[in-house]
Amino acid sequence: QVRLVESGGGLVQVGDSVRLSCAASGRSFSSGSMAWFRQAPDKEREFVGVVWTAGTTNTYYSDSVKGRRFLISRNSDANALYLQMNNVKAEDTAVYYCAADSQGRLSTTANEYTYWGQGTQVTVSS
């Protein structure tokens, strides 16, 4: 049974740094894709970033975080995914979800991911 378990969320202040983790068990995603999505209150789930392997390991970010303060990474065994969030803002408040799929591809669409974690809440207070 595949499980994804997020951790690292909580209540932080504007300008703080937060590191989210996602522990994967049940299978390896070394040749697949692992991503972060987030969902703010009363908003649809939003793609944040993905790391995938297709020959080489690649990363891609949503326009809302690209070039900003977010860094996605995973460990060499591809059973742990991380999201480093620096200088957080109030609009980063959301439930952050880890998602994974066996196919190694660039995908920003939630329904293309087979496995999901339960989410971890990040609340940024001003």
Foldseek 3Di string as FASTA:
>chain_A
DKAKAKDFADEAAQQAKTKMKIFIDDDAQLQWKKFKWWDDPPGDIFGAKMWHDDPHIDIDGDPVPPPHAWDWDADNRRRMIMIIGGRDDQVVWTWMKMFIDNHGDDDGDPVVTDDIHPTDTHGYDD
